[in-house]
Amino acid sequence: MTEATALLVAAVKFKWQKDDKTYDYFIPNGLAPLVEVGRKVVVETARGETTVEVVSIKSESEKAQKTILRIVEPEVADEGEKA
C-alpha cells in the first residue's frame, strides 16, 4: 500500500477478554473520521460479525488483515424517559 492509500488501523478489544490483548482492523477511509477511541464498531470474526470497542488508533500494523465493517451508532435516550 502506498502512503496515499494507507489505511489507519484500529486496535480493538472484545468484551469477553480478560487480558490486555488487542486485535488490529483496518479503518476504511469513509469511516476514518468517525472511528475514535471508545467507539463501538462491528468487525468480522471466524464466528461472524461482532461488536467490539476501539482502544487505540495506529498508523500501521503488521497484524491487521480485516477491515471494520461499520460503526455502532450510539443509542439516543429520549429526554422524556427517566434512567
N, C-alpha and C. Protein backbone atom coordinates (compact mmCIF):
# COMPACT_ATOMS: atom_id res chain seq x y z
N MET A 1 0.83 -1.17 0.00
CA MET A 1 0.00 0.00 0.00
C MET A 1 0.88 1.24 0.00
N THR A 2 0.53 2.22 -0.79
CA THR A 2 1.31 3.45 -0.81
C THR A 2 0.83 4.37 0.29
N GLU A 3 1.62 5.41 0.57
CA GLU A 3 1.23 6.35 1.61
C GLU A 3 -0.10 7.01 1.30
N ALA A 4 -0.36 7.28 0.04
CA ALA A 4 -1.60 7.96 -0.34
C ALA A 4 -2.82 7.09 -0.08
N THR A 5 -2.66 5.78 -0.12
CA THR A 5 -3.80 4.89 0.09
C THR A 5 -3.71 4.13 1.41
N ALA A 6 -2.75 4.46 2.25
CA ALA A 6 -2.58 3.75 3.51
C ALA A 6 -3.80 3.97 4.40
N LEU A 7 -4.26 2.88 4.99
CA LEU A 7 -5.40 2.95 5.89
C LEU A 7 -4.92 3.02 7.33
N LEU A 8 -5.65 3.76 8.14
CA LEU A 8 -5.39 3.75 9.58
C LEU A 8 -5.82 2.40 10.13
N VAL A 9 -5.35 2.08 11.32
CA VAL A 9 -5.65 0.80 11.95
C VAL A 9 -6.23 1.06 13.33
N ALA A 10 -7.30 0.33 13.66
CA ALA A 10 -7.89 0.40 14.99
C ALA A 10 -7.52 -0.85 15.76
N ALA A 11 -6.99 -0.67 16.96
CA ALA A 11 -6.77 -1.80 17.86
C ALA A 11 -8.06 -1.94 18.66
N VAL A 12 -8.64 -3.14 18.63
CA VAL A 12 -9.92 -3.35 19.30
C VAL A 12 -9.80 -4.44 20.35
N LYS A 13 -10.73 -4.40 21.30
CA LYS A 13 -10.77 -5.39 22.36
C LYS A 13 -12.16 -5.99 22.42
N PHE A 14 -12.22 -7.29 22.54
CA PHE A 14 -13.50 -7.99 22.66
C PHE A 14 -13.96 -7.95 24.11
N LYS A 15 -15.26 -7.83 24.34
CA LYS A 15 -15.78 -7.66 25.70
C LYS A 15 -15.55 -8.88 26.58
N TRP A 16 -15.36 -10.05 26.01
CA TRP A 16 -15.15 -11.26 26.79
C TRP A 16 -13.70 -11.43 27.23
N GLN A 17 -12.80 -10.59 26.70
CA GLN A 17 -11.37 -10.73 27.01
C GLN A 17 -11.06 -10.30 28.43
N LYS A 18 -10.25 -11.10 29.12
CA LYS A 18 -9.82 -10.78 30.48
C LYS A 18 -8.43 -10.14 30.49
N ASP A 19 -7.67 -10.33 29.41
CA ASP A 19 -6.31 -9.78 29.35
C ASP A 19 -6.29 -8.48 28.54
N ASP A 20 -5.11 -7.96 28.29
CA ASP A 20 -4.97 -6.69 27.57
C ASP A 20 -4.71 -6.88 26.08
N LYS A 21 -4.89 -8.09 25.56
CA LYS A 21 -4.62 -8.35 24.14
C LYS A 21 -5.61 -7.58 23.27
N THR A 22 -5.09 -7.04 22.18
CA THR A 22 -5.94 -6.33 21.22
C THR A 22 -5.77 -6.96 19.84
N TYR A 23 -6.72 -6.67 18.97
CA TYR A 23 -6.69 -7.16 17.60
C TYR A 23 -6.78 -5.95 16.68
N ASP A 24 -6.02 -5.97 15.59
CA ASP A 24 -5.97 -4.84 14.68
C ASP A 24 -6.88 -5.03 13.47
N TYR A 25 -7.63 -3.99 13.15
CA TYR A 25 -8.51 -3.97 11.98
C TYR A 25 -8.27 -2.67 11.22
N PHE A 26 -8.22 -2.76 9.90
CA PHE A 26 -8.09 -1.56 9.08
C PHE A 26 -9.35 -0.72 9.20
N ILE A 27 -9.17 0.60 9.16
CA ILE A 27 -10.29 1.54 9.18
C ILE A 27 -10.53 2.00 7.75
N PRO A 28 -11.70 1.70 7.16
CA PRO A 28 -11.97 2.17 5.80
C PRO A 28 -11.92 3.70 5.75
N ASN A 29 -11.44 4.25 4.64
CA ASN A 29 -11.31 5.71 4.53
C ASN A 29 -12.62 6.43 4.83
N GLY A 30 -13.75 5.88 4.41
CA GLY A 30 -15.04 6.53 4.65
C GLY A 30 -15.43 6.58 6.12
N LEU A 31 -14.88 5.68 6.93
CA LEU A 31 -15.20 5.65 8.36
C LEU A 31 -14.15 6.34 9.22
N ALA A 32 -13.01 6.65 8.63
CA ALA A 32 -11.89 7.20 9.41
C ALA A 32 -12.27 8.40 10.28
N PRO A 33 -13.07 9.35 9.79
CA PRO A 33 -13.41 10.49 10.66
C PRO A 33 -14.31 10.11 11.84
N LEU A 34 -14.97 8.96 11.76
CA LEU A 34 -15.92 8.56 12.80
C LEU A 34 -15.33 7.61 13.84
N VAL A 35 -14.26 6.92 13.49
CA VAL A 35 -13.68 5.94 14.40
C VAL A 35 -12.77 6.66 15.39
N GLU A 36 -13.05 6.46 16.67
CA GLU A 36 -12.25 7.09 17.72
C GLU A 36 -12.18 6.14 18.91
N VAL A 37 -11.23 6.37 19.79
CA VAL A 37 -11.06 5.53 20.97
C VAL A 37 -12.35 5.57 21.79
N GLY A 38 -12.80 4.39 22.20
CA GLY A 38 -14.03 4.27 22.98
C GLY A 38 -15.25 3.98 22.13
N ARG A 39 -15.16 4.18 20.83
CA ARG A 39 -16.29 3.95 19.92
C ARG A 39 -16.48 2.46 19.72
N LYS A 40 -17.71 2.04 19.60
CA LYS A 40 -18.03 0.64 19.29
C LYS A 40 -18.15 0.49 17.78
N VAL A 41 -17.56 -0.58 17.26
CA VAL A 41 -17.59 -0.86 15.83
C VAL A 41 -17.92 -2.34 15.63
N VAL A 42 -18.34 -2.68 14.42
CA VAL A 42 -18.64 -4.07 14.08
C VAL A 42 -17.52 -4.61 13.19
N VAL A 43 -17.01 -5.79 13.56
CA VAL A 43 -15.96 -6.44 12.80
C VAL A 43 -16.37 -7.87 12.47
N GLU A 44 -15.73 -8.44 11.46
CA GLU A 44 -15.97 -9.83 11.07
C GLU A 44 -14.95 -10.71 11.78
N THR A 45 -15.43 -11.79 12.40
CA THR A 45 -14.55 -12.77 13.03
C THR A 45 -14.87 -14.14 12.44
N ALA A 46 -14.15 -15.15 12.87
CA ALA A 46 -14.40 -16.51 12.40
C ALA A 46 -15.80 -16.98 12.80
N ARG A 47 -16.35 -16.37 13.84
CA ARG A 47 -17.69 -16.76 14.33
C ARG A 47 -18.79 -15.83 13.83
N GLY A 48 -18.45 -14.92 12.95
CA GLY A 48 -19.44 -13.99 12.41
C GLY A 48 -19.17 -12.56 12.86
N GLU A 49 -20.14 -11.69 12.63
CA GLU A 49 -19.97 -10.28 12.99
C GLU A 49 -20.13 -10.11 14.50
N THR A 50 -19.32 -9.22 15.06
CA THR A 50 -19.41 -8.94 16.49
C THR A 50 -19.06 -7.48 16.75
N THR A 51 -19.59 -6.96 17.84
CA THR A 51 -19.32 -5.58 18.24
C THR A 51 -18.14 -5.55 19.19
N VAL A 52 -17.21 -4.64 18.94
CA VAL A 52 -16.00 -4.51 19.75
C VAL A 52 -15.78 -3.03 20.06
N GLU A 53 -14.88 -2.76 21.00
CA GLU A 53 -14.55 -1.38 21.35
C GLU A 53 -13.16 -1.02 20.86
N VAL A 54 -13.05 0.17 20.27
CA VAL A 54 -11.75 0.67 19.81
C VAL A 54 -10.97 1.17 21.03
N VAL A 55 -9.75 0.65 21.21
CA VAL A 55 -8.93 1.06 22.35
C VAL A 55 -7.75 1.94 21.93
N SER A 56 -7.38 1.91 20.66
CA SER A 56 -6.36 2.84 20.16
C SER A 56 -6.41 2.87 18.64
N ILE A 57 -5.81 3.93 18.10
CA ILE A 57 -5.73 4.10 16.65
C ILE A 57 -4.26 4.23 16.28
N LYS A 58 -3.85 3.47 15.26
CA LYS A 58 -2.45 3.43 14.86
C LYS A 58 -2.33 3.77 13.38
N SER A 59 -1.14 4.15 12.98
CA SER A 59 -0.92 4.47 11.56
C SER A 59 -0.52 3.24 10.76
N GLU A 60 -0.09 2.17 11.44
CA GLU A 60 0.30 0.96 10.72
C GLU A 60 0.21 -0.25 11.64
N SER A 61 0.17 -1.42 11.02
CA SER A 61 0.11 -2.67 11.77
C SER A 61 0.59 -3.80 10.88
N GLU A 62 1.33 -4.71 11.46
CA GLU A 62 1.73 -5.91 10.74
C GLU A 62 0.71 -7.02 10.94
N LYS A 63 -0.23 -6.82 11.88
CA LYS A 63 -1.21 -7.86 12.21
C LYS A 63 -2.56 -7.67 11.52
N ALA A 64 -2.90 -6.46 11.13
CA ALA A 64 -4.24 -6.20 10.56
C ALA A 64 -4.42 -6.94 9.24
N GLN A 65 -5.54 -7.64 9.13
CA GLN A 65 -5.86 -8.35 7.89
C GLN A 65 -7.27 -8.06 7.43
N LYS A 66 -8.14 -7.70 8.36
CA LYS A 66 -9.54 -7.44 8.02
C LYS A 66 -9.86 -5.97 8.27
N THR A 67 -11.03 -5.58 7.77
CA THR A 67 -11.46 -4.18 7.84
C THR A 67 -12.70 -4.05 8.71
N ILE A 68 -12.80 -2.94 9.43
CA ILE A 68 -14.01 -2.65 10.20
C ILE A 68 -15.18 -2.58 9.23
N LEU A 69 -16.29 -3.20 9.61
CA LEU A 69 -17.47 -3.23 8.73
C LEU A 69 -18.32 -1.97 8.84
N ARG A 70 -18.57 -1.55 10.09
CA ARG A 70 -19.41 -0.36 10.29
C ARG A 70 -19.28 0.14 11.72
N ILE A 71 -19.77 1.35 11.92
CA ILE A 71 -19.81 1.99 13.24
C ILE A 71 -21.11 1.58 13.93
N VAL A 72 -21.07 1.40 15.24
CA VAL A 72 -22.29 1.20 16.01
C VAL A 72 -22.74 2.59 16.45
N GLU A 73 -23.91 2.98 16.00
CA GLU A 73 -24.43 4.31 16.36
C GLU A 73 -24.83 4.31 17.83
N PRO A 74 -24.44 5.35 18.57
CA PRO A 74 -24.82 5.41 19.99
C PRO A 74 -26.33 5.55 20.12
N GLU A 75 -26.87 4.89 21.15
CA GLU A 75 -28.30 5.00 21.40
C GLU A 75 -28.58 6.37 21.98
N VAL A 76 -29.63 7.00 21.48
CA VAL A 76 -30.01 8.31 21.98
C VAL A 76 -31.21 8.11 22.89
N ALA A 77 -31.05 8.47 24.16
CA ALA A 77 -32.15 8.33 25.11
C ALA A 77 -33.16 9.44 24.88
N ASP A 78 -34.42 9.08 24.99
CA ASP A 78 -35.49 10.05 24.88
C ASP A 78 -35.44 10.95 26.11
N GLU A 79 -35.41 12.25 25.92
CA GLU A 79 -35.29 13.18 27.04
C GLU A 79 -36.45 13.04 28.02
N GLY A 80 -37.59 12.54 27.57
CA GLY A 80 -38.75 12.37 28.44
C GLY A 80 -38.66 11.13 29.31
N GLU A 81 -37.75 10.21 28.97
CA GLU A 81 -37.60 8.98 29.75
C GLU A 81 -36.69 9.21 30.92
N LYS A 82 -36.96 8.49 32.01
CA LYS A 82 -36.10 8.57 33.19
C LYS A 82 -35.19 7.36 33.21
N ALA A 83 -33.95 7.57 33.61
CA ALA A 83 -32.96 6.48 33.62
C ALA A 83 -33.19 5.55 34.78
